[in-house]
Amino acid sequence: MTWDSGGARYLVRLTVPRRGAWRAWRAVSGTFGHRLAEQGNDVVLARRELRRGRDYVRVVVVATVVADDVAEALDLARWAFREAADDDLAGWDMAAVSAEVQPGDA
């Protein structure tokens, strides 16, 4: 684990199901990606879409954050996701979010 002045570095992986079909996701994916990128805080490393059939899409957001503990790391990554989703939170199945938090690389 790497310790910076603010705490430890964590790698957070959020997997969030998208409501609606693949076509509905494609209509908003560019805006979502742009909002992730413009946050400018180097929290978000990458995102990718996982497709299962034409009616199911999960989006994986991988972030690296500096936090005092695992709970804060998860909260920071979740905040970055919510900022990117902005006014489109209804398009996401927030009750089915899964998360994985690991110590970051040295």
N, C-alpha and C. Protein backbone atom coordinates (compact mmCIF):
# COMPACT_ATOMS: atom_id res chain seq x y z
N MET A 1 0.84 -1.16 0.00
CA MET A 1 0.00 0.00 0.00
C MET A 1 0.89 1.23 0.00
N THR A 2 0.52 2.23 -0.79
CA THR A 2 1.29 3.46 -0.89
C THR A 2 0.63 4.53 -0.02
N TRP A 3 1.41 5.18 0.80
CA TRP A 3 0.90 6.25 1.66
C TRP A 3 1.31 7.58 1.08
N ASP A 4 0.33 8.42 0.78
CA ASP A 4 0.59 9.79 0.36
C ASP A 4 0.31 10.69 1.55
N SER A 5 0.41 11.97 1.36
CA SER A 5 0.19 12.89 2.46
C SER A 5 -1.23 12.81 3.01
N GLY A 6 -2.19 12.37 2.20
CA GLY A 6 -3.57 12.31 2.65
C GLY A 6 -4.02 10.94 3.09
N GLY A 7 -3.22 9.92 2.96
CA GLY A 7 -3.64 8.58 3.34
C GLY A 7 -3.04 7.54 2.42
N ALA A 8 -3.75 6.45 2.27
CA ALA A 8 -3.28 5.33 1.45
C ALA A 8 -3.93 5.38 0.07
N ARG A 9 -3.27 4.78 -0.89
CA ARG A 9 -3.80 4.70 -2.24
C ARG A 9 -4.58 3.38 -2.36
N TYR A 10 -5.80 3.48 -2.87
CA TYR A 10 -6.66 2.31 -3.05
C TYR A 10 -7.11 2.22 -4.50
N LEU A 11 -7.33 1.00 -4.95
CA LEU A 11 -7.90 0.74 -6.26
C LEU A 11 -9.34 0.28 -6.03
N VAL A 12 -10.28 0.99 -6.62
CA VAL A 12 -11.70 0.72 -6.43
C VAL A 12 -12.31 0.35 -7.77
N ARG A 13 -13.09 -0.72 -7.78
CA ARG A 13 -13.77 -1.16 -8.98
C ARG A 13 -15.27 -1.21 -8.69
N LEU A 14 -16.03 -0.34 -9.35
CA LEU A 14 -17.48 -0.31 -9.22
C LEU A 14 -18.10 -0.93 -10.46
N THR A 15 -19.04 -1.83 -10.28
CA THR A 15 -19.77 -2.43 -11.38
C THR A 15 -21.23 -2.05 -11.19
N VAL A 16 -21.77 -1.33 -12.17
CA VAL A 16 -23.12 -0.78 -12.05
C VAL A 16 -23.95 -1.20 -13.25
N PRO A 17 -25.05 -1.93 -13.02
CA PRO A 17 -25.94 -2.28 -14.13
C PRO A 17 -26.66 -1.04 -14.66
N ARG A 18 -26.77 -0.98 -15.96
CA ARG A 18 -27.47 0.12 -16.63
C ARG A 18 -28.87 -0.36 -17.00
N ARG A 19 -29.87 0.43 -16.65
CA ARG A 19 -31.25 0.08 -17.03
C ARG A 19 -31.43 0.35 -18.52
N GLY A 20 -32.25 -0.48 -19.13
CA GLY A 20 -32.51 -0.30 -20.55
C GLY A 20 -31.60 -1.16 -21.39
N ALA A 21 -31.83 -1.14 -22.65
CA ALA A 21 -31.09 -1.97 -23.59
C ALA A 21 -29.77 -1.31 -23.99
N TRP A 22 -28.98 -2.05 -24.74
CA TRP A 22 -27.69 -1.59 -25.22
C TRP A 22 -27.83 -0.28 -25.99
N ARG A 23 -28.82 -0.18 -26.80
CA ARG A 23 -29.02 1.02 -27.62
C ARG A 23 -29.24 2.26 -26.73
N ALA A 24 -29.99 2.10 -25.64
CA ALA A 24 -30.23 3.22 -24.71
C ALA A 24 -28.91 3.65 -24.06
N TRP A 25 -28.08 2.68 -23.70
CA TRP A 25 -26.78 3.01 -23.10
C TRP A 25 -25.90 3.74 -24.10
N ARG A 26 -25.87 3.29 -25.32
CA ARG A 26 -25.01 3.92 -26.33
C ARG A 26 -25.39 5.39 -26.52
N ALA A 27 -26.67 5.71 -26.31
CA ALA A 27 -27.13 7.09 -26.48
C ALA A 27 -26.54 8.02 -25.42
N VAL A 28 -26.22 7.51 -24.25
CA VAL A 28 -25.72 8.36 -23.16
C VAL A 28 -24.27 8.05 -22.77
N SER A 29 -23.68 7.04 -23.35
CA SER A 29 -22.34 6.61 -22.92
C SER A 29 -21.28 7.68 -23.17
N GLY A 30 -21.40 8.41 -24.26
CA GLY A 30 -20.42 9.45 -24.55
C GLY A 30 -20.46 10.57 -23.50
N THR A 31 -21.65 10.98 -23.13
CA THR A 31 -21.81 12.01 -22.10
C THR A 31 -21.27 11.52 -20.76
N PHE A 32 -21.59 10.28 -20.41
CA PHE A 32 -21.12 9.70 -19.16
C PHE A 32 -19.59 9.68 -19.14
N GLY A 33 -18.98 9.20 -20.21
CA GLY A 33 -17.52 9.14 -20.29
C GLY A 33 -16.89 10.52 -20.22
N HIS A 34 -17.50 11.48 -20.88
CA HIS A 34 -16.99 12.85 -20.86
C HIS A 34 -17.04 13.42 -19.44
N ARG A 35 -18.13 13.16 -18.73
CA ARG A 35 -18.26 13.66 -17.35
C ARG A 35 -17.24 13.00 -16.43
N LEU A 36 -16.93 11.73 -16.67
CA LEU A 36 -15.88 11.09 -15.89
C LEU A 36 -14.54 11.78 -16.14
N ALA A 37 -14.26 12.01 -17.41
CA ALA A 37 -12.96 12.57 -17.80
C ALA A 37 -12.79 14.01 -17.33
N GLU A 38 -13.85 14.79 -17.32
CA GLU A 38 -13.70 16.20 -17.00
C GLU A 38 -13.65 16.49 -15.49
N GLN A 39 -13.76 15.47 -14.68
CA GLN A 39 -13.67 15.69 -13.24
C GLN A 39 -12.30 16.23 -12.85
N GLY A 40 -11.27 15.88 -13.60
CA GLY A 40 -9.96 16.48 -13.44
C GLY A 40 -9.25 16.20 -12.13
N ASN A 41 -9.70 15.20 -11.38
CA ASN A 41 -9.06 14.94 -10.09
C ASN A 41 -8.26 13.65 -10.10
N ASP A 42 -8.04 13.08 -11.25
CA ASP A 42 -7.26 11.86 -11.41
C ASP A 42 -7.80 10.69 -10.59
N VAL A 43 -9.07 10.74 -10.23
CA VAL A 43 -9.67 9.63 -9.50
C VAL A 43 -9.96 8.48 -10.44
N VAL A 44 -10.53 8.75 -11.58
CA VAL A 44 -10.99 7.69 -12.47
C VAL A 44 -9.87 7.26 -13.40
N LEU A 45 -9.59 5.98 -13.43
CA LEU A 45 -8.59 5.46 -14.34
C LEU A 45 -9.20 5.01 -15.66
N ALA A 46 -10.31 4.30 -15.58
CA ALA A 46 -10.87 3.72 -16.79
C ALA A 46 -12.32 3.32 -16.57
N ARG A 47 -13.00 3.07 -17.67
CA ARG A 47 -14.32 2.48 -17.61
C ARG A 47 -14.43 1.50 -18.78
N ARG A 48 -15.29 0.55 -18.61
CA ARG A 48 -15.56 -0.35 -19.73
C ARG A 48 -16.98 -0.87 -19.59
N GLU A 49 -17.54 -1.26 -20.71
CA GLU A 49 -18.90 -1.77 -20.72
C GLU A 49 -18.86 -3.28 -20.87
N LEU A 50 -19.69 -3.95 -20.13
CA LEU A 50 -19.85 -5.39 -20.24
C LEU A 50 -21.26 -5.65 -20.74
N ARG A 51 -21.37 -6.33 -21.84
CA ARG A 51 -22.68 -6.55 -22.46
C ARG A 51 -23.03 -8.02 -22.37
N ARG A 52 -24.24 -8.28 -21.91
CA ARG A 52 -24.77 -9.65 -21.91
C ARG A 52 -26.11 -9.61 -22.61
N GLY A 53 -26.10 -10.01 -23.85
CA GLY A 53 -27.32 -9.92 -24.64
C GLY A 53 -27.59 -8.47 -25.01
N ARG A 54 -28.68 -8.25 -25.71
CA ARG A 54 -28.96 -6.89 -26.16
C ARG A 54 -29.73 -6.06 -25.15
N ASP A 55 -30.18 -6.70 -24.05
CA ASP A 55 -30.99 -5.99 -23.06
C ASP A 55 -30.29 -5.80 -21.73
N TYR A 56 -28.99 -6.08 -21.64
CA TYR A 56 -28.31 -5.98 -20.35
C TYR A 56 -26.92 -5.39 -20.53
N VAL A 57 -26.65 -4.33 -19.82
CA VAL A 57 -25.35 -3.68 -19.87
C VAL A 57 -24.91 -3.38 -18.44
N ARG A 58 -23.66 -3.70 -18.14
CA ARG A 58 -23.04 -3.29 -16.88
C ARG A 58 -21.85 -2.43 -17.23
N VAL A 59 -21.66 -1.38 -16.47
CA VAL A 59 -20.52 -0.49 -16.69
C VAL A 59 -19.58 -0.65 -15.50
N VAL A 60 -18.31 -0.84 -15.79
CA VAL A 60 -17.30 -0.99 -14.75
C VAL A 60 -16.45 0.28 -14.75
N VAL A 61 -16.37 0.91 -13.59
CA VAL A 61 -15.54 2.09 -13.42
C VAL A 61 -14.41 1.70 -12.47
N VAL A 62 -13.17 1.89 -12.92
CA VAL A 62 -12.01 1.58 -12.10
C VAL A 62 -11.38 2.91 -11.71
N ALA A 63 -11.17 3.09 -10.41
CA ALA A 63 -10.63 4.35 -9.91
C ALA A 63 -9.49 4.09 -8.96
N THR A 64 -8.58 5.03 -8.89
CA THR A 64 -7.56 5.01 -7.86
C THR A 64 -7.76 6.25 -7.01
N VAL A 65 -7.80 6.07 -5.72
CA VAL A 65 -8.06 7.19 -4.82
C VAL A 65 -7.09 7.14 -3.65
N VAL A 66 -6.86 8.29 -3.06
CA VAL A 66 -6.07 8.38 -1.84
C VAL A 66 -7.06 8.68 -0.73
N ALA A 67 -7.09 7.80 0.27
CA ALA A 67 -8.07 7.93 1.33
C ALA A 67 -7.49 7.42 2.65
N ASP A 68 -8.15 7.78 3.74
CA ASP A 68 -7.71 7.34 5.06
C ASP A 68 -8.04 5.88 5.34
N ASP A 69 -9.12 5.38 4.69
CA ASP A 69 -9.52 3.99 4.91
C ASP A 69 -10.34 3.50 3.73
N VAL A 70 -10.72 2.22 3.78
CA VAL A 70 -11.46 1.59 2.68
C VAL A 70 -12.81 2.26 2.46
N ALA A 71 -13.50 2.60 3.54
CA ALA A 71 -14.82 3.23 3.42
C ALA A 71 -14.73 4.57 2.69
N GLU A 72 -13.73 5.35 3.01
CA GLU A 72 -13.56 6.64 2.33
C GLU A 72 -13.20 6.43 0.87
N ALA A 73 -12.37 5.44 0.58
CA ALA A 73 -11.99 5.15 -0.80
C ALA A 73 -13.22 4.79 -1.63
N LEU A 74 -14.07 3.94 -1.07
CA LEU A 74 -15.29 3.55 -1.77
C LEU A 74 -16.21 4.75 -1.97
N ASP A 75 -16.34 5.58 -0.96
CA ASP A 75 -17.19 6.77 -1.05
C ASP A 75 -16.70 7.72 -2.12
N LEU A 76 -15.39 7.92 -2.22
CA LEU A 76 -14.84 8.81 -3.24
C LEU A 76 -15.10 8.28 -4.65
N ALA A 77 -14.94 6.98 -4.84
CA ALA A 77 -15.21 6.38 -6.16
C ALA A 77 -16.69 6.47 -6.49
N ARG A 78 -17.53 6.22 -5.50
CA ARG A 78 -18.99 6.31 -5.72
C ARG A 78 -19.37 7.75 -6.07
N TRP A 79 -18.75 8.71 -5.39
CA TRP A 79 -19.02 10.11 -5.70
C TRP A 79 -18.64 10.44 -7.14
N ALA A 80 -17.49 9.95 -7.60
CA ALA A 80 -17.06 10.19 -8.98
C ALA A 80 -18.07 9.60 -9.97
N PHE A 81 -18.58 8.41 -9.66
CA PHE A 81 -19.60 7.79 -10.52
C PHE A 81 -20.86 8.65 -10.55
N ARG A 82 -21.33 9.06 -9.38
CA ARG A 82 -22.57 9.86 -9.31
C ARG A 82 -22.42 11.19 -10.04
N GLU A 83 -21.24 11.80 -9.96
CA GLU A 83 -21.00 13.04 -10.69
C GLU A 83 -21.10 12.80 -12.20
N ALA A 84 -20.58 11.68 -12.65
CA ALA A 84 -20.64 11.36 -14.08
C ALA A 84 -22.07 11.04 -14.51
N ALA A 85 -22.83 10.37 -13.65
CA ALA A 85 -24.21 10.03 -13.96
C ALA A 85 -25.10 11.27 -13.94
N ASP A 86 -24.75 12.25 -13.11
CA ASP A 86 -25.41 13.54 -13.01
C ASP A 86 -26.93 13.38 -12.89
N ASP A 87 -27.68 13.90 -13.82
CA ASP A 87 -29.14 13.86 -13.75
C ASP A 87 -29.73 12.57 -14.31
N ASP A 88 -28.89 11.60 -14.61
CA ASP A 88 -29.33 10.34 -15.21
C ASP A 88 -29.30 9.18 -14.22
N LEU A 89 -29.38 9.44 -12.93
CA LEU A 89 -29.32 8.36 -11.93
C LEU A 89 -30.43 7.34 -12.09
N ALA A 90 -31.58 7.75 -12.59
CA ALA A 90 -32.69 6.81 -12.79
C ALA A 90 -32.34 5.75 -13.84
N GLY A 91 -31.37 6.02 -14.69
CA GLY A 91 -30.96 5.07 -15.71
C GLY A 91 -30.06 3.96 -15.20
N TRP A 92 -29.71 4.01 -13.92
CA TRP A 92 -28.80 3.03 -13.32
C TRP A 92 -29.51 2.24 -12.25
N ASP A 93 -29.16 0.98 -12.11
CA ASP A 93 -29.72 0.13 -11.05
C ASP A 93 -28.79 0.23 -9.84
N MET A 94 -28.96 1.29 -9.06
CA MET A 94 -28.06 1.56 -7.94
C MET A 94 -28.18 0.52 -6.83
N ALA A 95 -29.30 -0.19 -6.77
CA ALA A 95 -29.47 -1.23 -5.75
C ALA A 95 -28.63 -2.46 -6.06
N ALA A 96 -28.16 -2.59 -7.29
CA ALA A 96 -27.40 -3.77 -7.70
C ALA A 96 -25.92 -3.48 -7.92
N VAL A 97 -25.43 -2.37 -7.42
CA VAL A 97 -24.02 -2.01 -7.56
C VAL A 97 -23.16 -3.00 -6.78
N SER A 98 -22.05 -3.40 -7.37
CA SER A 98 -21.07 -4.19 -6.63
C SER A 98 -19.75 -3.41 -6.64
N ALA A 99 -18.96 -3.61 -5.60
CA ALA A 99 -17.71 -2.87 -5.48
C ALA A 99 -16.63 -3.76 -4.93
N GLU A 100 -15.41 -3.47 -5.34
CA GLU A 100 -14.22 -4.16 -4.85
C GLU A 100 -13.18 -3.09 -4.57
N VAL A 101 -12.62 -3.13 -3.37
CA VAL A 101 -11.60 -2.15 -2.99
C VAL A 101 -10.34 -2.93 -2.58
N GLN A 102 -9.22 -2.54 -3.18
CA GLN A 102 -7.94 -3.19 -2.87
C GLN A 102 -6.88 -2.13 -2.61
N PRO A 103 -5.88 -2.47 -1.82
CA PRO A 103 -4.75 -1.54 -1.67
C PRO A 103 -4.13 -1.29 -3.03
N GLY A 104 -3.73 -0.03 -3.28
CA GLY A 104 -3.12 0.33 -4.56
C GLY A 104 -1.70 -0.18 -4.65
N ASP A 105 -1.16 -0.17 -5.87
CA ASP A 105 0.22 -0.60 -6.11
C ASP A 105 1.19 0.40 -5.53
N ALA A 106 2.31 -0.11 -5.10
CA ALA A 106 3.36 0.78 -4.57
C ALA A 106 4.07 1.47 -5.70
